[in-house]
Amino acid sequence: MMHKLFIIILMASIFKSCNSQEVTKDKAINGMQELELVKKLNKPRRETIIPIHKKVNLLEYQSDLFEITKDLTESDTIYVKELYWEHKKTKQVVWLKKTHENWIVFDNLIWSNKIQF
């Protein structure tokens, strides 16, 4: 629990120190199916399946994923698909959950190339 709290505090301080234009979210893509998203953003540079459980170790930019661990029991594991793009001035990561055989966007993060995680 202390590890999660530390990461959340660390991320909050990083985001606070960044210009609001350097770290954003695209709320318009939340709820999109994977095929629709890829049609809009083109093929991602990287695709990863992340097993999420109570004791998962996440990277700094993935700290928002701790929110979905709140309702998990010690034995629960859910899988999140992470898609990653590098654009000319920004990097973007999108997280999807599988719902009725479709991967659906539930969160995302866009940050300036100036920011290093």
C-alpha atoms as a PDB file:
ATOM      1  CA  MET A   1       0.000   0.000   0.000  1.00  0.00           C
ATOM      2  CA  MET A   2       2.827   2.393   0.851  1.00  0.00           C
ATOM      3  CA  HIS A   3       4.448   1.639  -2.517  1.00  0.00           C
ATOM      4  CA  LYS A   4       1.246   2.605  -4.350  1.00  0.00           C
ATOM      5  CA  LEU A   5       0.857   5.741  -2.268  1.00  0.00           C
ATOM      6  CA  PHE A   6       4.462   6.736  -3.001  1.00  0.00           C
ATOM      7  CA  ILE A   7       3.959   6.280  -6.742  1.00  0.00           C
ATOM      8  CA  ILE A   8       0.705   8.257  -6.701  1.00  0.00           C
ATOM      9  CA  ILE A   9       2.383  11.123  -4.811  1.00  0.00           C
ATOM     10  CA  LEU A  10       5.359  10.981  -7.171  1.00  0.00           C
ATOM     11  CA  MET A  11       3.118  11.101 -10.240  1.00  0.00           C
ATOM     12  CA  ALA A  12       1.081  13.961  -8.804  1.00  0.00           C
ATOM     13  CA  SER A  13       4.225  15.989  -8.247  1.00  0.00           C
ATOM     14  CA  ILE A  14       5.493  15.189 -11.757  1.00  0.00           C
ATOM     15  CA  PHE A  15       2.190  16.220 -13.335  1.00  0.00           C
ATOM     16  CA  LYS A  16       2.018  19.348 -11.215  1.00  0.00           C
ATOM     17  CA  SER A  17       5.516  20.358 -12.274  1.00  0.00           C
ATOM     18  CA  CYS A  18       4.677  19.833 -15.937  1.00  0.00           C
ATOM     19  CA  ASN A  19       2.925  22.385 -18.044  1.00  0.00           C
ATOM     20  CA  SER A  20      -0.701  21.261 -18.463  1.00  0.00           C
ATOM     21  CA  GLN A  21      -0.115  21.228 -22.225  1.00  0.00           C
ATOM     22  CA  GLU A  22       2.708  18.692 -21.794  1.00  0.00           C
ATOM     23  CA  VAL A  23       0.607  15.941 -20.127  1.00  0.00           C
ATOM     24  CA  THR A  24      -3.000  15.474 -21.208  1.00  0.00           C
ATOM     25  CA  LYS A  25      -5.711  12.909 -21.897  1.00  0.00           C
ATOM     26  CA  ASP A  26      -7.925  12.561 -24.950  1.00  0.00           C
ATOM     27  CA  LYS A  27     -11.356  11.924 -23.430  1.00  0.00           C
ATOM     28  CA  ALA A  28     -12.887  11.632 -26.916  1.00  0.00           C
ATOM     29  CA  ILE A  29     -11.264   8.233 -27.505  1.00  0.00           C
ATOM     30  CA  ASN A  30     -12.507   6.663 -24.253  1.00  0.00           C
ATOM     31  CA  GLY A  31     -15.142   4.065 -25.126  1.00  0.00           C
ATOM     32  CA  MET A  32     -13.772   3.426 -28.633  1.00  0.00           C
ATOM     33  CA  GLN A  33     -13.228  -0.117 -29.845  1.00  0.00           C
ATOM     34  CA  GLU A  34      -9.659  -1.054 -30.720  1.00  0.00           C
ATOM     35  CA  LEU A  35     -10.276  -1.213 -34.484  1.00  0.00           C
ATOM     36  CA  GLU A  36     -11.823   2.266 -34.471  1.00  0.00           C
ATOM     37  CA  LEU A  37      -8.889   3.617 -32.444  1.00  0.00           C
ATOM     38  CA  VAL A  38      -6.268   2.108 -34.778  1.00  0.00           C
ATOM     39  CA  LYS A  39      -8.158   3.491 -37.757  1.00  0.00           C
ATOM     40  CA  LYS A  40      -7.937   6.953 -36.168  1.00  0.00           C
ATOM     41  CA  LEU A  41      -4.330   6.803 -34.872  1.00  0.00           C
ATOM     42  CA  ASN A  42      -2.780   4.213 -37.233  1.00  0.00           C
ATOM     43  CA  LYS A  43      -0.917   1.107 -36.132  1.00  0.00           C
ATOM     44  CA  PRO A  44       0.690   1.488 -32.684  1.00  0.00           C
ATOM     45  CA  ARG A  45       4.434   1.221 -32.284  1.00  0.00           C
ATOM     46  CA  ARG A  46       4.001  -1.217 -29.392  1.00  0.00           C
ATOM     47  CA  GLU A  47       1.241  -3.437 -28.049  1.00  0.00           C
ATOM     48  CA  THR A  48       1.481  -5.066 -24.609  1.00  0.00           C
ATOM     49  CA  ILE A  49      -0.869  -7.107 -22.435  1.00  0.00           C
ATOM     50  CA  ILE A  50      -0.459  -6.167 -18.759  1.00  0.00           C
ATOM     51  CA  PRO A  51      -1.742  -8.504 -16.024  1.00  0.00           C
ATOM     52  CA  ILE A  52      -3.167  -6.291 -13.276  1.00  0.00           C
ATOM     53  CA  HIS A  53      -3.464  -7.641  -9.720  1.00  0.00           C
ATOM     54  CA  LYS A  54      -3.245  -6.278  -6.184  1.00  0.00           C
ATOM     55  CA  LYS A  55       0.572  -6.428  -6.036  1.00  0.00           C
ATOM     56  CA  VAL A  56       1.353  -5.338  -9.575  1.00  0.00           C
ATOM     57  CA  ASN A  57       4.444  -3.203 -10.181  1.00  0.00           C
ATOM     58  CA  LEU A  58       3.678  -0.511 -12.718  1.00  0.00           C
ATOM     59  CA  LEU A  59       5.815   2.068 -14.471  1.00  0.00           C
ATOM     60  CA  GLU A  60       5.460   5.773 -13.644  1.00  0.00           C
ATOM     61  CA  TYR A  61       3.270   6.622 -16.609  1.00  0.00           C
ATOM     62  CA  GLN A  62       1.000   3.640 -15.765  1.00  0.00           C
ATOM     63  CA  SER A  63       0.159   4.868 -12.251  1.00  0.00           C
ATOM     64  CA  ASP A  64      -3.468   5.618 -13.222  1.00  0.00           C
ATOM     65  CA  LEU A  65      -3.939   1.863 -13.612  1.00  0.00           C
ATOM     66  CA  PHE A  66      -3.787   1.501  -9.813  1.00  0.00           C
ATOM     67  CA  GLU A  67      -7.372   2.816  -9.827  1.00  0.00           C
ATOM     68  CA  ILE A  68      -8.629  -0.447 -11.328  1.00  0.00           C
ATOM     69  CA  THR A  69      -6.969  -2.548  -8.601  1.00  0.00           C
ATOM     70  CA  LYS A  70      -9.196  -1.105  -5.854  1.00  0.00           C
ATOM     71  CA  ASP A  71     -11.996  -3.647  -6.382  1.00  0.00           C
ATOM     72  CA  LEU A  72      -9.709  -6.648  -6.926  1.00  0.00           C
ATOM     73  CA  THR A  73      -9.246  -9.386  -4.352  1.00  0.00           C
ATOM     74  CA  GLU A  74      -5.803 -10.882  -3.684  1.00  0.00           C
ATOM     75  CA  SER A  75      -6.512 -13.710  -6.148  1.00  0.00           C
ATOM     76  CA  ASP A  76      -8.018 -11.579  -8.959  1.00  0.00           C
ATOM     77  CA  THR A  77      -6.123 -10.754 -12.134  1.00  0.00           C
ATOM     78  CA  ILE A  78      -7.461  -8.704 -15.024  1.00  0.00           C
ATOM     79  CA  TYR A  79      -5.700  -8.037 -18.306  1.00  0.00           C
ATOM     80  CA  VAL A  80      -5.227  -4.607 -19.834  1.00  0.00           C
ATOM     81  CA  LYS A  81      -3.990  -4.001 -23.358  1.00  0.00           C
ATOM     82  CA  GLU A  82      -1.590  -1.098 -23.696  1.00  0.00           C
ATOM     83  CA  LEU A  83      -1.074   0.516 -27.092  1.00  0.00           C
ATOM     84  CA  TYR A  84       1.751   3.019 -27.570  1.00  0.00           C
ATOM     85  CA  TRP A  85       2.383   5.623 -30.271  1.00  0.00           C
ATOM     86  CA  GLU A  86       5.192   8.096 -30.891  1.00  0.00           C
ATOM     87  CA  HIS A  87       3.973  11.180 -32.729  1.00  0.00           C
ATOM     88  CA  LYS A  88       6.074  14.082 -33.985  1.00  0.00           C
ATOM     89  CA  LYS A  89       5.804  16.143 -30.765  1.00  0.00           C
ATOM     90  CA  THR A  90       4.115  13.746 -28.341  1.00  0.00           C
ATOM     91  CA  LYS A  91       3.940  10.179 -27.104  1.00  0.00           C
ATOM     92  CA  GLN A  92       0.624   8.501 -26.395  1.00  0.00           C
ATOM     93  CA  VAL A  93      -0.423   5.417 -24.501  1.00  0.00           C
ATOM     94  CA  VAL A  94      -3.944   3.983 -24.530  1.00  0.00           C
ATOM     95  CA  TRP A  95      -5.308   1.312 -22.185  1.00  0.00           C
ATOM     96  CA  LEU A  96      -8.104  -1.060 -23.183  1.00  0.00           C
ATOM     97  CA  LYS A  97     -10.211  -3.670 -21.334  1.00  0.00           C
ATOM     98  CA  LYS A  98     -11.795  -6.655 -23.015  1.00  0.00           C
ATOM     99  CA  THR A  99     -15.589  -6.449 -22.974  1.00  0.00           C
ATOM    100  CA  HIS A 100     -17.734  -8.986 -24.826  1.00  0.00           C
ATOM    101  CA  GLU A 101     -14.871 -10.059 -27.128  1.00  0.00           C
ATOM    102  CA  ASN A 102     -13.943  -6.432 -27.958  1.00  0.00           C
ATOM    103  CA  TRP A 103     -11.083  -4.381 -26.581  1.00  0.00           C
ATOM    104  CA  ILE A 104     -12.499  -1.012 -25.428  1.00  0.00           C
ATOM    105  CA  VAL A 105     -10.506   2.137 -24.507  1.00  0.00           C
ATOM    106  CA  PHE A 106     -10.970   3.117 -20.855  1.00  0.00           C
ATOM    107  CA  ASP A 107      -8.065   5.527 -20.297  1.00  0.00           C
ATOM    108  CA  ASN A 108      -5.129   7.161 -22.056  1.00  0.00           C
ATOM    109  CA  LEU A 109      -2.241   9.533 -21.560  1.00  0.00           C
ATOM    110  CA  ILE A 110      -0.462  11.914 -23.939  1.00  0.00           C
ATOM    111  CA  TRP A 111       2.786  13.608 -23.010  1.00  0.00           C
ATOM    112  CA  SER A 112       5.316  15.905 -24.625  1.00  0.00           C
ATOM    113  CA  ASN A 113       8.492  14.385 -26.036  1.00  0.00           C
ATOM    114  CA  LYS A 114      10.291  16.683 -23.576  1.00  0.00           C
ATOM    115  CA  ILE A 115       9.083  14.527 -20.665  1.00  0.00           C
ATOM    116  CA  GLN A 116      11.069  11.408 -19.809  1.00  0.00           C
ATOM    117  CA  PHE A 117       9.467   8.634 -17.752  1.00  0.00           C
END
